[in-house]
Amino acid sequence: MSLKTVNTALTTAGILFIFYIGVSYVLTPETIAPGFGLSHWPLGDGDGFLILKGIRDIVSGLVLTVLLLIGQRRALGWVLLVEALTPIGDMTNVLAHHGSATVAFSVHGLTAALIVITGLLTLRETRKVTAAPIPAMR
């Protein structure tokens, strides 16, 4: 199996996962939000902020989908690395607000690590390989 096939499978799985999370936050924020890791949720109409998170996740997935579909593999690798900042930020937020360290590291930290690995593998796939110069014969 080629590196490109592995990267495509990893990226597609990540896209499907982030779409699932995003749509869940938009449609049923009260059921998915407790798994985020924070111990306290906004009072009142806090669902609006959770829906914003869902929209952000859906857009992140769409950006990756577009790059994958149009074949911009190098850009896809770089965008994956940048998008890893989202779960890193989520992990930091959970830890800073005295949420579950277990969720922070096992959900958000692991997600960030998988995105970084996929991004680095995609960049590795797209690097230019140059052949060594052939020595001149005398």
N, C-alpha and C. Protein backbone atom coordinates (compact mmCIF):
# COMPACT_ATOMS: atom_id res chain seq x y z
N MET A 1 0.84 -1.17 0.00
CA MET A 1 0.00 0.00 0.00
C MET A 1 0.90 1.24 0.00
N SER A 2 0.58 2.19 -0.87
CA SER A 2 1.44 3.37 -1.00
C SER A 2 1.18 4.37 0.13
N LEU A 3 2.16 5.22 0.35
CA LEU A 3 2.03 6.26 1.36
C LEU A 3 0.86 7.18 1.03
N LYS A 4 0.67 7.45 -0.26
CA LYS A 4 -0.43 8.31 -0.68
C LYS A 4 -1.78 7.69 -0.29
N THR A 5 -1.93 6.39 -0.46
CA THR A 5 -3.17 5.71 -0.10
C THR A 5 -3.39 5.78 1.41
N VAL A 6 -2.35 5.54 2.18
CA VAL A 6 -2.45 5.62 3.65
C VAL A 6 -2.84 7.03 4.07
N ASN A 7 -2.18 8.02 3.49
CA ASN A 7 -2.48 9.42 3.84
C ASN A 7 -3.91 9.80 3.47
N THR A 8 -4.35 9.34 2.32
CA THR A 8 -5.72 9.63 1.89
C THR A 8 -6.71 8.99 2.87
N ALA A 9 -6.46 7.76 3.27
CA ALA A 9 -7.34 7.08 4.22
C ALA A 9 -7.35 7.80 5.58
N LEU A 10 -6.16 8.17 6.07
CA LEU A 10 -6.09 8.89 7.35
C LEU A 10 -6.81 10.24 7.28
N THR A 11 -6.58 10.96 6.20
CA THR A 11 -7.21 12.27 6.04
C THR A 11 -8.73 12.12 5.93
N THR A 12 -9.18 11.15 5.16
CA THR A 12 -10.62 10.93 5.01
C THR A 12 -11.26 10.56 6.34
N ALA A 13 -10.61 9.69 7.10
CA ALA A 13 -11.12 9.33 8.42
C ALA A 13 -11.20 10.56 9.32
N GLY A 14 -10.18 11.40 9.27
CA GLY A 14 -10.19 12.63 10.06
C GLY A 14 -11.30 13.57 9.64
N ILE A 15 -11.52 13.69 8.35
CA ILE A 15 -12.59 14.55 7.84
C ILE A 15 -13.95 14.04 8.31
N LEU A 16 -14.18 12.75 8.18
CA LEU A 16 -15.46 12.18 8.62
C LEU A 16 -15.67 12.37 10.11
N PHE A 17 -14.59 12.21 10.89
CA PHE A 17 -14.67 12.40 12.34
C PHE A 17 -15.03 13.85 12.68
N ILE A 18 -14.35 14.81 12.06
CA ILE A 18 -14.61 16.21 12.39
C ILE A 18 -15.99 16.63 11.91
N PHE A 19 -16.46 16.08 10.78
CA PHE A 19 -17.84 16.36 10.34
C PHE A 19 -18.84 15.82 11.37
N TYR A 20 -18.60 14.61 11.85
CA TYR A 20 -19.49 14.01 12.86
C TYR A 20 -19.54 14.89 14.11
N ILE A 21 -18.38 15.30 14.59
CA ILE A 21 -18.32 16.14 15.79
C ILE A 21 -19.02 17.47 15.53
N GLY A 22 -18.71 18.09 14.40
CA GLY A 22 -19.31 19.39 14.07
C GLY A 22 -20.82 19.32 13.95
N VAL A 23 -21.31 18.35 13.22
CA VAL A 23 -22.76 18.21 13.05
C VAL A 23 -23.43 17.90 14.38
N SER A 24 -22.77 17.10 15.21
CA SER A 24 -23.34 16.80 16.53
C SER A 24 -23.45 18.05 17.39
N TYR A 25 -22.44 18.91 17.35
CA TYR A 25 -22.50 20.17 18.11
C TYR A 25 -23.59 21.10 17.58
N VAL A 26 -23.84 21.07 16.29
CA VAL A 26 -24.88 21.92 15.71
C VAL A 26 -26.27 21.38 16.04
N LEU A 27 -26.46 20.07 15.90
CA LEU A 27 -27.80 19.50 16.06
C LEU A 27 -28.16 19.14 17.49
N THR A 28 -27.21 18.61 18.25
CA THR A 28 -27.50 18.18 19.63
C THR A 28 -26.35 18.55 20.56
N PRO A 29 -26.11 19.85 20.74
CA PRO A 29 -24.96 20.26 21.55
C PRO A 29 -25.03 19.75 22.99
N GLU A 30 -26.23 19.63 23.53
CA GLU A 30 -26.35 19.21 24.93
C GLU A 30 -25.95 17.76 25.15
N THR A 31 -25.99 16.94 24.10
CA THR A 31 -25.61 15.53 24.28
C THR A 31 -24.12 15.29 24.03
N ILE A 32 -23.51 16.08 23.17
CA ILE A 32 -22.10 15.84 22.86
C ILE A 32 -21.16 16.67 23.74
N ALA A 33 -21.64 17.81 24.21
CA ALA A 33 -20.78 18.73 24.95
C ALA A 33 -20.14 18.14 26.20
N PRO A 34 -20.83 17.30 26.98
CA PRO A 34 -20.17 16.76 28.18
C PRO A 34 -18.89 15.99 27.89
N GLY A 35 -18.72 15.47 26.71
CA GLY A 35 -17.51 14.74 26.36
C GLY A 35 -16.33 15.63 26.03
N PHE A 36 -16.53 16.95 26.02
CA PHE A 36 -15.46 17.88 25.67
C PHE A 36 -14.40 17.95 26.76
N GLY A 37 -14.82 17.76 28.01
CA GLY A 37 -13.86 17.74 29.11
C GLY A 37 -13.97 18.87 30.10
N LEU A 38 -14.79 19.88 29.81
CA LEU A 38 -14.95 20.98 30.76
C LEU A 38 -15.97 20.58 31.83
N SER A 39 -15.75 21.06 33.04
CA SER A 39 -16.65 20.68 34.13
C SER A 39 -17.87 21.59 34.22
N HIS A 40 -17.78 22.79 33.70
CA HIS A 40 -18.90 23.73 33.79
C HIS A 40 -19.25 24.23 32.39
N TRP A 41 -20.54 24.33 32.13
CA TRP A 41 -21.02 24.81 30.84
C TRP A 41 -21.69 26.14 31.02
N PRO A 42 -21.75 26.93 29.97
CA PRO A 42 -22.39 28.25 30.07
C PRO A 42 -23.84 28.12 30.51
N LEU A 43 -24.26 29.08 31.31
CA LEU A 43 -25.65 29.10 31.74
C LEU A 43 -26.50 29.83 30.70
N GLY A 44 -27.78 29.64 30.77
CA GLY A 44 -28.68 30.32 29.85
C GLY A 44 -28.61 29.70 28.47
N ASP A 45 -28.44 30.56 27.47
CA ASP A 45 -28.42 30.10 26.09
C ASP A 45 -26.99 29.74 25.66
N GLY A 46 -26.35 28.88 26.40
CA GLY A 46 -24.98 28.48 26.09
C GLY A 46 -24.89 27.62 24.84
N ASP A 47 -26.01 27.06 24.42
CA ASP A 47 -26.00 26.23 23.20
C ASP A 47 -25.47 27.01 22.01
N GLY A 48 -25.69 28.30 21.97
CA GLY A 48 -25.21 29.11 20.85
C GLY A 48 -23.70 29.03 20.70
N PHE A 49 -22.98 29.01 21.83
CA PHE A 49 -21.52 28.91 21.76
C PHE A 49 -21.09 27.51 21.34
N LEU A 50 -21.84 26.51 21.74
CA LEU A 50 -21.51 25.15 21.34
C LEU A 50 -21.77 24.96 19.85
N ILE A 51 -22.82 25.59 19.34
CA ILE A 51 -23.11 25.51 17.91
C ILE A 51 -21.99 26.20 17.11
N LEU A 52 -21.45 27.29 17.65
CA LEU A 52 -20.30 27.95 17.00
C LEU A 52 -19.13 26.98 16.86
N LYS A 53 -18.90 26.19 17.91
CA LYS A 53 -17.84 25.19 17.84
C LYS A 53 -18.13 24.18 16.73
N GLY A 54 -19.37 23.78 16.62
CA GLY A 54 -19.75 22.83 15.57
C GLY A 54 -19.52 23.40 14.19
N ILE A 55 -19.89 24.64 14.00
CA ILE A 55 -19.69 25.30 12.71
C ILE A 55 -18.20 25.37 12.39
N ARG A 56 -17.39 25.70 13.37
CA ARG A 56 -15.93 25.76 13.18
C ARG A 56 -15.39 24.39 12.75
N ASP A 57 -15.88 23.35 13.38
CA ASP A 57 -15.42 22.01 13.03
C ASP A 57 -15.84 21.61 11.62
N ILE A 58 -17.07 21.94 11.25
CA ILE A 58 -17.54 21.62 9.90
C ILE A 58 -16.70 22.35 8.86
N VAL A 59 -16.41 23.62 9.09
CA VAL A 59 -15.60 24.39 8.14
C VAL A 59 -14.18 23.81 8.06
N SER A 60 -13.62 23.41 9.17
CA SER A 60 -12.29 22.79 9.15
C SER A 60 -12.29 21.54 8.28
N GLY A 61 -13.34 20.75 8.41
CA GLY A 61 -13.47 19.55 7.58
C GLY A 61 -13.64 19.88 6.11
N LEU A 62 -14.38 20.95 5.82
CA LEU A 62 -14.59 21.35 4.42
C LEU A 62 -13.29 21.82 3.77
N VAL A 63 -12.47 22.53 4.52
CA VAL A 63 -11.18 22.99 3.98
C VAL A 63 -10.33 21.78 3.58
N LEU A 64 -10.26 20.79 4.47
CA LEU A 64 -9.50 19.58 4.17
C LEU A 64 -10.09 18.83 2.98
N THR A 65 -11.42 18.77 2.92
CA THR A 65 -12.10 18.07 1.83
C THR A 65 -11.76 18.71 0.49
N VAL A 66 -11.81 20.04 0.43
CA VAL A 66 -11.51 20.73 -0.82
C VAL A 66 -10.08 20.44 -1.26
N LEU A 67 -9.13 20.55 -0.36
CA LEU A 67 -7.73 20.30 -0.72
C LEU A 67 -7.52 18.86 -1.16
N LEU A 68 -8.19 17.93 -0.51
CA LEU A 68 -8.07 16.52 -0.88
C LEU A 68 -8.67 16.28 -2.27
N LEU A 69 -9.84 16.84 -2.51
CA LEU A 69 -10.53 16.61 -3.79
C LEU A 69 -9.84 17.26 -4.99
N ILE A 70 -9.21 18.42 -4.78
CA ILE A 70 -8.56 19.07 -5.91
C ILE A 70 -7.10 18.65 -6.06
N GLY A 71 -6.67 17.73 -5.20
CA GLY A 71 -5.34 17.15 -5.35
C GLY A 71 -4.18 18.02 -4.89
N GLN A 72 -4.45 18.98 -4.05
CA GLN A 72 -3.38 19.85 -3.54
C GLN A 72 -2.75 19.21 -2.30
N ARG A 73 -2.02 18.15 -2.52
CA ARG A 73 -1.52 17.32 -1.43
C ARG A 73 -0.52 18.06 -0.54
N ARG A 74 0.36 18.86 -1.11
CA ARG A 74 1.33 19.59 -0.28
C ARG A 74 0.62 20.61 0.61
N ALA A 75 -0.31 21.35 0.02
CA ALA A 75 -1.10 22.30 0.81
C ALA A 75 -1.90 21.56 1.87
N LEU A 76 -2.42 20.39 1.54
CA LEU A 76 -3.17 19.58 2.50
C LEU A 76 -2.29 19.25 3.71
N GLY A 77 -1.06 18.87 3.46
CA GLY A 77 -0.14 18.56 4.56
C GLY A 77 0.08 19.75 5.48
N TRP A 78 0.31 20.92 4.89
CA TRP A 78 0.51 22.12 5.70
C TRP A 78 -0.74 22.51 6.46
N VAL A 79 -1.90 22.42 5.81
CA VAL A 79 -3.16 22.78 6.48
C VAL A 79 -3.45 21.80 7.62
N LEU A 80 -3.15 20.54 7.43
CA LEU A 80 -3.32 19.59 8.54
C LEU A 80 -2.48 20.00 9.74
N LEU A 81 -1.24 20.40 9.50
CA LEU A 81 -0.39 20.84 10.61
C LEU A 81 -0.98 22.06 11.31
N VAL A 82 -1.49 23.00 10.53
CA VAL A 82 -2.09 24.20 11.12
C VAL A 82 -3.37 23.84 11.87
N GLU A 83 -4.19 22.98 11.28
CA GLU A 83 -5.46 22.62 11.93
C GLU A 83 -5.25 21.80 13.20
N ALA A 84 -4.06 21.25 13.40
CA ALA A 84 -3.76 20.56 14.66
C ALA A 84 -3.78 21.53 15.84
N LEU A 85 -3.66 22.83 15.53
CA LEU A 85 -3.72 23.83 16.60
C LEU A 85 -5.10 23.87 17.27
N THR A 86 -6.14 23.49 16.55
CA THR A 86 -7.49 23.51 17.14
C THR A 86 -7.59 22.53 18.31
N PRO A 87 -7.27 21.25 18.15
CA PRO A 87 -7.35 20.38 19.32
C PRO A 87 -6.31 20.70 20.39
N ILE A 88 -5.17 21.28 19.98
CA ILE A 88 -4.20 21.72 20.98
C ILE A 88 -4.81 22.85 21.82
N GLY A 89 -5.48 23.77 21.15
CA GLY A 89 -6.18 24.84 21.86
C GLY A 89 -7.29 24.30 22.75
N ASP A 90 -8.03 23.32 22.24
CA ASP A 90 -9.09 22.70 23.04
C ASP A 90 -8.51 22.04 24.28
N MET A 91 -7.40 21.32 24.11
CA MET A 91 -6.75 20.66 25.24
C MET A 91 -6.28 21.69 26.27
N THR A 92 -5.67 22.75 25.79
CA THR A 92 -5.19 23.81 26.68
C THR A 92 -6.35 24.46 27.42
N ASN A 93 -7.44 24.69 26.71
CA ASN A 93 -8.63 25.29 27.32
C ASN A 93 -9.19 24.41 28.42
N VAL A 94 -9.31 23.12 28.15
CA VAL A 94 -9.83 22.19 29.17
C VAL A 94 -8.93 22.20 30.40
N LEU A 95 -7.62 22.13 30.19
CA LEU A 95 -6.69 22.13 31.32
C LEU A 95 -6.71 23.45 32.07
N ALA A 96 -6.77 24.56 31.36
CA ALA A 96 -6.76 25.88 32.00
C ALA A 96 -8.02 26.14 32.82
N HIS A 97 -9.11 25.48 32.46
CA HIS A 97 -10.37 25.69 33.18
C HIS A 97 -10.69 24.53 34.11
N HIS A 98 -9.65 23.82 34.53
CA HIS A 98 -9.75 22.75 35.52
C HIS A 98 -10.73 21.66 35.11
N GLY A 99 -10.73 21.37 33.81
CA GLY A 99 -11.55 20.27 33.30
C GLY A 99 -10.82 18.96 33.47
N SER A 100 -11.32 17.95 32.83
CA SER A 100 -10.76 16.62 32.94
C SER A 100 -9.43 16.51 32.19
N ALA A 101 -8.36 16.27 32.94
CA ALA A 101 -7.05 16.10 32.31
C ALA A 101 -7.05 14.83 31.45
N THR A 102 -7.79 13.83 31.89
CA THR A 102 -7.88 12.59 31.11
C THR A 102 -8.46 12.87 29.73
N VAL A 103 -9.56 13.62 29.68
CA VAL A 103 -10.19 13.96 28.40
C VAL A 103 -9.27 14.89 27.61
N ALA A 104 -8.66 15.84 28.28
CA ALA A 104 -7.79 16.80 27.60
C ALA A 104 -6.70 16.07 26.82
N PHE A 105 -6.05 15.12 27.47
CA PHE A 105 -4.93 14.43 26.81
C PHE A 105 -5.40 13.29 25.90
N SER A 106 -6.39 12.51 26.36
CA SER A 106 -6.78 11.33 25.58
C SER A 106 -7.65 11.68 24.38
N VAL A 107 -8.43 12.74 24.46
CA VAL A 107 -9.28 13.12 23.33
C VAL A 107 -8.58 14.21 22.50
N HIS A 108 -8.36 15.36 23.10
CA HIS A 108 -7.81 16.49 22.35
C HIS A 108 -6.33 16.31 22.01
N GLY A 109 -5.54 15.84 22.97
CA GLY A 109 -4.11 15.63 22.72
C GLY A 109 -3.87 14.55 21.68
N LEU A 110 -4.59 13.45 21.80
CA LEU A 110 -4.43 12.36 20.83
C LEU A 110 -4.90 12.80 19.44
N THR A 111 -5.99 13.56 19.38
CA THR A 111 -6.46 14.08 18.09
C THR A 111 -5.39 14.96 17.45
N ALA A 112 -4.81 15.85 18.23
CA ALA A 112 -3.76 16.73 17.71
C ALA A 112 -2.58 15.90 17.20
N ALA A 113 -2.18 14.89 17.95
CA ALA A 113 -1.05 14.06 17.54
C ALA A 113 -1.34 13.34 16.23
N LEU A 114 -2.55 12.80 16.09
CA LEU A 114 -2.91 12.10 14.86
C LEU A 114 -2.94 13.04 13.66
N ILE A 115 -3.43 14.26 13.88
CA ILE A 115 -3.46 15.24 12.79
C ILE A 115 -2.04 15.63 12.39
N VAL A 116 -1.17 15.84 13.36
CA VAL A 116 0.22 16.19 13.06
C VAL A 116 0.91 15.05 12.30
N ILE A 117 0.70 13.82 12.75
CA ILE A 117 1.31 12.67 12.06
C ILE A 117 0.82 12.60 10.62
N THR A 118 -0.49 12.77 10.42
CA THR A 118 -1.03 12.72 9.07
C THR A 118 -0.47 13.86 8.22
N GLY A 119 -0.37 15.04 8.80
CA GLY A 119 0.20 16.18 8.07
C GLY A 119 1.65 15.94 7.68
N LEU A 120 2.44 15.42 8.61
CA LEU A 120 3.85 15.15 8.32
C LEU A 120 4.00 14.05 7.28
N LEU A 121 3.18 13.02 7.38
CA LEU A 121 3.23 11.95 6.37
C LEU A 121 2.84 12.49 4.99
N THR A 122 1.87 13.38 4.95
CA THR A 122 1.45 13.95 3.68
C THR A 122 2.55 14.83 3.11
N LEU A 123 3.22 15.60 3.94
CA LEU A 123 4.35 16.40 3.47
C LEU A 123 5.49 15.51 3.00
N ARG A 124 5.70 14.41 3.69
CA ARG A 124 6.75 13.47 3.27
C ARG A 124 6.43 12.88 1.91
N GLU A 125 5.17 12.55 1.72
CA GLU A 125 4.71 12.00 0.43
C GLU A 125 4.97 12.97 -0.71
N THR A 126 4.86 14.26 -0.44
CA THR A 126 4.92 15.26 -1.50
C THR A 126 6.29 15.89 -1.68
N ARG A 127 7.25 15.51 -0.87
CA ARG A 127 8.58 16.13 -1.01
C ARG A 127 9.19 15.71 -2.33
N LYS A 128 9.97 16.60 -2.85
CA LYS A 128 10.64 16.31 -4.12
C LYS A 128 11.88 15.49 -3.85
N VAL A 129 11.98 14.42 -4.56
CA VAL A 129 13.16 13.56 -4.44
C VAL A 129 14.06 13.89 -5.61
N THR A 130 15.28 14.26 -5.28
CA THR A 130 16.23 14.57 -6.35
C THR A 130 17.29 13.48 -6.41
N ALA A 131 17.59 13.09 -7.60
CA ALA A 131 18.59 12.04 -7.79
C ALA A 131 19.98 12.64 -7.63
N ALA A 132 20.86 11.83 -7.15
CA ALA A 132 22.26 12.26 -7.03
C ALA A 132 22.83 12.43 -8.45
N PRO A 133 23.68 13.42 -8.62
CA PRO A 133 24.27 13.60 -9.96
C PRO A 133 25.10 12.39 -10.36
N ILE A 134 25.02 12.06 -11.61
CA ILE A 134 25.81 10.94 -12.13
C ILE A 134 27.21 11.45 -12.41
N PRO A 135 28.20 10.77 -11.86
CA PRO A 135 29.58 11.24 -12.09
C PRO A 135 29.94 11.11 -13.58
N ALA A 136 30.68 12.08 -14.04
CA ALA A 136 31.11 12.08 -15.44
C ALA A 136 32.14 10.97 -15.65
N MET A 137 32.03 10.29 -16.78
CA MET A 137 33.00 9.23 -17.10
C MET A 137 34.18 9.83 -17.80
N ARG A 138 35.35 9.36 -17.51
CA ARG A 138 36.56 9.86 -18.14
C ARG A 138 37.20 8.82 -18.95
